């Protein structure tokens, strides 16, 4: 999983990254403390496909914050592998599912 800050001069704080299986059960939390993401910085988290089993519909939830309103960072997951002599890969981009603005929680479905 890759997270890229689009903020030119603002630091983002990544509070949590959670990994869920296809049934919606959390398998792993990747951070044990908040991480600063400097302007235009990227971070990577590697999921070991041999160890982590989540099925075909796995998900990441990324909790991030900033001191001022900014564009949401780009969060992408990428998968690559091979079976016999066939290689495969895909990527998936994030969508915002919930946000807080001015101390008010908003479900994106309500926007």
N, C-alpha and C. Protein backbone atom coordinates (compact mmCIF):
# COMPACT_ATOMS: atom_id res chain seq x y z
N UNK A 1 0.85 -1.15 0.00
CA UNK A 1 0.00 0.00 0.00
C UNK A 1 0.90 1.22 0.00
N UNK A 2 0.53 2.22 -0.78
CA UNK A 2 1.30 3.45 -0.87
C UNK A 2 0.40 4.62 -0.53
N UNK A 3 0.90 5.56 0.24
CA UNK A 3 0.16 6.78 0.55
C UNK A 3 1.03 7.96 0.15
N UNK A 4 0.47 8.86 -0.67
CA UNK A 4 1.19 10.02 -1.18
C UNK A 4 0.49 11.29 -0.76
N UNK A 5 1.22 12.20 -0.15
CA UNK A 5 0.66 13.49 0.23
C UNK A 5 0.62 14.41 -0.98
N UNK A 6 -0.51 15.07 -1.20
CA UNK A 6 -0.63 16.07 -2.26
C UNK A 6 -0.43 17.48 -1.72
N UNK A 7 -0.25 17.60 -0.42
CA UNK A 7 -0.08 18.91 0.21
C UNK A 7 1.30 19.48 -0.13
N UNK A 8 1.33 20.71 -0.61
CA UNK A 8 2.58 21.35 -1.00
C UNK A 8 3.37 21.84 0.21
N UNK A 9 2.67 22.34 1.23
CA UNK A 9 3.38 22.92 2.37
C UNK A 9 2.80 22.48 3.72
N UNK A 10 1.96 21.48 3.73
CA UNK A 10 1.29 21.04 4.96
C UNK A 10 1.76 19.63 5.32
N UNK A 11 2.00 19.40 6.60
CA UNK A 11 2.33 18.06 7.10
C UNK A 11 1.03 17.33 7.40
N UNK A 12 0.93 16.09 6.92
CA UNK A 12 -0.20 15.22 7.26
C UNK A 12 0.25 14.26 8.34
N UNK A 13 -0.68 13.84 9.16
CA UNK A 13 -0.40 12.84 10.19
C UNK A 13 -1.19 11.59 9.84
N UNK A 14 -0.51 10.47 9.69
CA UNK A 14 -1.16 9.18 9.47
C UNK A 14 -1.29 8.53 10.84
N UNK A 15 -2.53 8.42 11.32
CA UNK A 15 -2.78 7.89 12.66
C UNK A 15 -2.85 6.37 12.71
N UNK A 16 -3.52 5.78 11.71
CA UNK A 16 -3.75 4.34 11.70
C UNK A 16 -3.83 3.83 10.27
N UNK A 17 -3.37 2.61 10.06
CA UNK A 17 -3.58 1.88 8.81
C UNK A 17 -4.03 0.48 9.22
N UNK A 18 -5.26 0.14 8.87
CA UNK A 18 -5.83 -1.16 9.24
C UNK A 18 -6.06 -1.99 7.97
N UNK A 19 -5.81 -3.28 8.07
CA UNK A 19 -5.95 -4.22 6.95
C UNK A 19 -7.09 -5.18 7.27
N UNK A 20 -8.08 -5.25 6.38
CA UNK A 20 -9.28 -6.07 6.58
C UNK A 20 -9.37 -7.16 5.52
N UNK A 21 -9.94 -8.31 5.90
CA UNK A 21 -10.15 -9.37 4.92
C UNK A 21 -11.46 -9.14 4.15
N UNK A 22 -11.77 -10.05 3.26
CA UNK A 22 -12.95 -9.91 2.40
C UNK A 22 -14.25 -9.98 3.19
N UNK A 23 -14.21 -10.50 4.41
CA UNK A 23 -15.40 -10.58 5.26
C UNK A 23 -15.55 -9.34 6.15
N UNK A 24 -14.60 -8.41 6.09
CA UNK A 24 -14.65 -7.22 6.91
C UNK A 24 -14.04 -7.38 8.29
N UNK A 25 -13.27 -8.43 8.50
CA UNK A 25 -12.61 -8.68 9.78
C UNK A 25 -11.20 -8.07 9.72
N UNK A 26 -10.87 -7.25 10.72
CA UNK A 26 -9.53 -6.64 10.74
C UNK A 26 -8.49 -7.72 11.01
N UNK A 27 -7.50 -7.81 10.12
CA UNK A 27 -6.43 -8.79 10.26
C UNK A 27 -5.19 -8.21 10.92
N UNK A 28 -4.94 -6.91 10.67
CA UNK A 28 -3.70 -6.33 11.17
C UNK A 28 -3.80 -4.82 11.22
N UNK A 29 -3.15 -4.23 12.22
CA UNK A 29 -2.96 -2.78 12.27
C UNK A 29 -1.47 -2.54 12.04
N UNK A 30 -1.15 -1.70 11.06
CA UNK A 30 0.23 -1.57 10.60
C UNK A 30 1.07 -0.55 11.35
N UNK A 31 0.50 0.40 12.03
CA UNK A 31 1.30 1.41 12.72
C UNK A 31 1.12 1.26 14.23
N UNK A 32 2.22 1.37 14.97
CA UNK A 32 2.09 1.36 16.42
C UNK A 32 2.18 2.77 16.99
N UNK A 33 2.37 3.77 16.11
CA UNK A 33 2.34 5.18 16.50
C UNK A 33 2.05 6.02 15.26
N UNK A 34 1.61 7.24 15.47
CA UNK A 34 1.31 8.14 14.35
C UNK A 34 2.60 8.47 13.59
N UNK A 35 2.45 8.68 12.27
CA UNK A 35 3.59 8.98 11.41
C UNK A 35 3.34 10.30 10.69
N UNK A 36 4.34 11.20 10.71
CA UNK A 36 4.25 12.44 9.94
C UNK A 36 4.56 12.17 8.48
N UNK A 37 3.73 12.74 7.62
CA UNK A 37 3.95 12.66 6.18
C UNK A 37 4.23 14.07 5.70
N UNK A 38 5.50 14.36 5.40
CA UNK A 38 5.90 15.70 4.97
C UNK A 38 5.30 16.03 3.61
N UNK A 39 5.28 17.31 3.22
CA UNK A 39 4.72 17.69 1.93
C UNK A 39 5.31 16.85 0.78
N UNK A 40 4.44 16.29 -0.01
CA UNK A 40 4.75 15.49 -1.19
C UNK A 40 5.49 14.18 -0.88
N UNK A 41 5.57 13.80 0.39
CA UNK A 41 6.23 12.56 0.78
C UNK A 41 5.31 11.36 0.52
N UNK A 42 5.91 10.21 0.29
CA UNK A 42 5.18 8.95 0.13
C UNK A 42 5.66 7.96 1.17
N UNK A 43 4.76 7.09 1.61
CA UNK A 43 5.16 5.97 2.46
C UNK A 43 4.60 4.68 1.85
N UNK A 44 5.28 3.59 2.12
CA UNK A 44 4.89 2.28 1.62
C UNK A 44 4.70 1.32 2.78
N UNK A 45 3.71 0.45 2.66
CA UNK A 45 3.55 -0.66 3.59
C UNK A 45 3.45 -1.93 2.74
N UNK A 46 4.19 -2.94 3.11
CA UNK A 46 4.24 -4.18 2.34
C UNK A 46 3.40 -5.24 3.06
N UNK A 47 2.52 -5.88 2.31
CA UNK A 47 1.74 -7.00 2.83
C UNK A 47 2.34 -8.26 2.23
N UNK A 48 2.80 -9.16 3.07
CA UNK A 48 3.38 -10.41 2.59
C UNK A 48 2.25 -11.34 2.15
N UNK A 49 2.14 -11.54 0.85
CA UNK A 49 1.07 -12.38 0.31
C UNK A 49 1.13 -13.82 0.75
N UNK A 50 2.30 -14.27 1.19
CA UNK A 50 2.43 -15.64 1.67
C UNK A 50 1.89 -15.80 3.09
N UNK A 51 1.97 -14.71 3.88
CA UNK A 51 1.54 -14.78 5.28
C UNK A 51 0.13 -14.25 5.50
N UNK A 52 -0.21 -13.16 4.84
CA UNK A 52 -1.50 -12.51 5.06
C UNK A 52 -2.54 -13.09 4.10
N UNK A 53 -3.54 -13.70 4.64
CA UNK A 53 -4.63 -14.25 3.83
C UNK A 53 -5.88 -13.43 4.10
N UNK A 54 -6.41 -12.81 3.08
CA UNK A 54 -7.60 -11.99 3.28
C UNK A 54 -8.67 -12.21 2.23
N UNK A 55 -8.33 -12.96 1.19
CA UNK A 55 -9.30 -13.19 0.12
C UNK A 55 -9.16 -12.14 -0.96
N UNK A 56 -10.10 -12.15 -1.88
CA UNK A 56 -10.01 -11.27 -3.04
C UNK A 56 -10.56 -9.88 -2.78
N UNK A 57 -11.20 -9.64 -1.68
CA UNK A 57 -11.78 -8.33 -1.40
C UNK A 57 -11.20 -7.66 -0.19
N UNK A 58 -9.89 -7.75 -0.01
CA UNK A 58 -9.26 -7.13 1.15
C UNK A 58 -9.31 -5.61 1.05
N UNK A 59 -9.23 -4.96 2.19
CA UNK A 59 -9.34 -3.51 2.26
C UNK A 59 -8.35 -2.94 3.25
N UNK A 60 -7.95 -1.70 3.00
CA UNK A 60 -7.20 -0.91 3.96
C UNK A 60 -8.07 0.26 4.39
N UNK A 61 -8.05 0.58 5.67
CA UNK A 61 -8.62 1.84 6.16
C UNK A 61 -7.45 2.66 6.68
N UNK A 62 -7.33 3.90 6.17
CA UNK A 62 -6.25 4.79 6.55
C UNK A 62 -6.86 6.00 7.26
N UNK A 63 -6.46 6.23 8.50
CA UNK A 63 -6.91 7.37 9.28
C UNK A 63 -5.80 8.41 9.27
N UNK A 64 -6.07 9.57 8.69
CA UNK A 64 -5.07 10.62 8.60
C UNK A 64 -5.70 11.95 9.00
N UNK A 65 -4.86 12.93 9.30
CA UNK A 65 -5.34 14.24 9.74
C UNK A 65 -4.37 15.33 9.29
N UNK A 66 -4.87 16.57 9.31
CA UNK A 66 -4.02 17.74 9.07
C UNK A 66 -4.55 18.88 9.92
N UNK A 67 -3.73 19.90 10.11
CA UNK A 67 -4.14 21.05 10.91
C UNK A 67 -5.10 21.97 10.16
N UNK A 68 -5.05 21.94 8.84
CA UNK A 68 -5.90 22.79 8.01
C UNK A 68 -6.51 21.93 6.91
N UNK A 69 -7.61 22.37 6.29
CA UNK A 69 -8.21 21.58 5.20
C UNK A 69 -7.22 21.40 4.04
N UNK A 70 -7.09 20.16 3.57
CA UNK A 70 -6.22 19.82 2.43
C UNK A 70 -6.91 18.77 1.58
N UNK A 71 -6.40 18.59 0.37
CA UNK A 71 -6.89 17.50 -0.47
C UNK A 71 -6.52 16.18 0.18
N UNK A 72 -7.38 15.21 0.02
CA UNK A 72 -7.08 13.87 0.55
C UNK A 72 -5.85 13.31 -0.14
N UNK A 73 -4.98 12.64 0.60
CA UNK A 73 -3.81 12.02 -0.02
C UNK A 73 -4.24 10.89 -0.96
N UNK A 74 -3.37 10.55 -1.88
CA UNK A 74 -3.62 9.41 -2.74
C UNK A 74 -3.17 8.16 -1.99
N UNK A 75 -4.07 7.21 -1.84
CA UNK A 75 -3.73 5.93 -1.22
C UNK A 75 -4.01 4.86 -2.27
N UNK A 76 -3.00 4.09 -2.62
CA UNK A 76 -3.14 3.07 -3.64
C UNK A 76 -2.65 1.74 -3.09
N UNK A 77 -3.32 0.68 -3.50
CA UNK A 77 -2.80 -0.65 -3.21
C UNK A 77 -2.43 -1.30 -4.53
N UNK A 78 -1.33 -2.02 -4.50
CA UNK A 78 -0.85 -2.70 -5.69
C UNK A 78 -0.59 -4.15 -5.35
N UNK A 79 -0.88 -5.02 -6.29
CA UNK A 79 -0.66 -6.45 -6.08
C UNK A 79 0.02 -7.00 -7.32
N UNK A 80 1.02 -7.81 -7.13
CA UNK A 80 1.69 -8.48 -8.24
C UNK A 80 2.04 -9.89 -7.80
N UNK A 81 1.95 -10.80 -8.72
CA UNK A 81 2.28 -12.18 -8.40
C UNK A 81 2.40 -13.01 -9.66
N UNK A 82 2.60 -14.29 -9.46
CA UNK A 82 2.67 -15.19 -10.60
C UNK A 82 2.18 -16.56 -10.18
N UNK A 83 1.71 -17.29 -11.17
CA UNK A 83 1.27 -18.65 -10.97
C UNK A 83 1.68 -19.43 -12.20
N UNK A 84 2.47 -20.46 -11.99
CA UNK A 84 3.07 -21.20 -13.10
C UNK A 84 3.90 -20.22 -13.93
N UNK A 85 3.61 -20.04 -15.20
CA UNK A 85 4.39 -19.11 -16.02
C UNK A 85 3.61 -17.84 -16.32
N UNK A 86 2.52 -17.61 -15.62
CA UNK A 86 1.70 -16.43 -15.86
C UNK A 86 1.92 -15.41 -14.75
N UNK A 87 2.16 -14.17 -15.15
CA UNK A 87 2.29 -13.08 -14.18
C UNK A 87 1.01 -12.26 -14.17
N UNK A 88 0.73 -11.63 -13.04
CA UNK A 88 -0.45 -10.78 -12.95
C UNK A 88 -0.17 -9.62 -12.00
N UNK A 89 -0.87 -8.52 -12.20
CA UNK A 89 -0.75 -7.37 -11.31
C UNK A 89 -1.99 -6.50 -11.47
N UNK A 90 -2.28 -5.75 -10.42
CA UNK A 90 -3.35 -4.77 -10.48
C UNK A 90 -3.10 -3.71 -9.42
N UNK A 91 -3.81 -2.59 -9.56
CA UNK A 91 -3.73 -1.56 -8.53
C UNK A 91 -5.14 -1.03 -8.29
N UNK A 92 -5.33 -0.50 -7.12
CA UNK A 92 -6.62 0.03 -6.72
C UNK A 92 -6.39 1.36 -6.00
N UNK A 93 -7.18 2.37 -6.34
CA UNK A 93 -7.06 3.67 -5.69
C UNK A 93 -8.10 3.82 -4.59
N UNK A 94 -7.80 4.68 -3.65
CA UNK A 94 -8.66 4.85 -2.49
C UNK A 94 -9.86 5.73 -2.79
N UNK A 95 -10.85 5.61 -1.92
CA UNK A 95 -11.99 6.52 -1.88
C UNK A 95 -12.19 6.94 -0.43
N UNK A 96 -12.66 8.14 -0.22
CA UNK A 96 -12.94 8.63 1.12
C UNK A 96 -14.28 8.03 1.56
N UNK A 97 -14.30 7.38 2.73
CA UNK A 97 -15.54 6.78 3.23
C UNK A 97 -16.12 7.55 4.41
N UNK A 98 -15.29 8.32 5.10
CA UNK A 98 -15.78 9.13 6.22
C UNK A 98 -14.80 10.27 6.43
N UNK A 99 -15.30 11.44 6.74
CA UNK A 99 -14.39 12.53 7.05
C UNK A 99 -14.95 13.39 8.17
N UNK A 100 -14.03 14.07 8.82
CA UNK A 100 -14.38 15.00 9.88
C UNK A 100 -14.01 16.39 9.38
N UNK A 101 -14.95 17.29 9.44
CA UNK A 101 -14.68 18.69 9.11
C UNK A 101 -15.21 19.55 10.24
N UNK A 102 -14.34 20.37 10.76
CA UNK A 102 -14.73 21.31 11.83
C UNK A 102 -15.37 20.57 13.00
N UNK A 103 -14.83 19.37 13.31
CA UNK A 103 -15.29 18.61 14.46
C UNK A 103 -16.59 17.87 14.22
N UNK A 104 -17.08 17.83 12.98
CA UNK A 104 -18.33 17.14 12.67
C UNK A 104 -18.03 15.95 11.76
N UNK A 105 -18.48 14.76 12.18
CA UNK A 105 -18.28 13.56 11.38
C UNK A 105 -19.27 13.54 10.23
N UNK A 106 -18.79 13.22 9.02
CA UNK A 106 -19.64 13.18 7.84
C UNK A 106 -19.41 11.86 7.12
N UNK A 107 -20.47 11.09 6.89
CA UNK A 107 -20.37 9.93 6.03
C UNK A 107 -20.42 10.42 4.59
N UNK A 108 -19.55 9.91 3.76
CA UNK A 108 -19.50 10.37 2.38
C UNK A 108 -20.81 10.10 1.67
N UNK A 109 -21.52 9.05 2.04
CA UNK A 109 -22.82 8.74 1.43
C UNK A 109 -23.82 9.88 1.64
N UNK A 110 -23.61 10.67 2.71
CA UNK A 110 -24.53 11.75 3.03
C UNK A 110 -24.21 13.04 2.27
N UNK A 111 -23.06 13.09 1.58
CA UNK A 111 -22.66 14.33 0.90
C UNK A 111 -23.41 14.50 -0.40
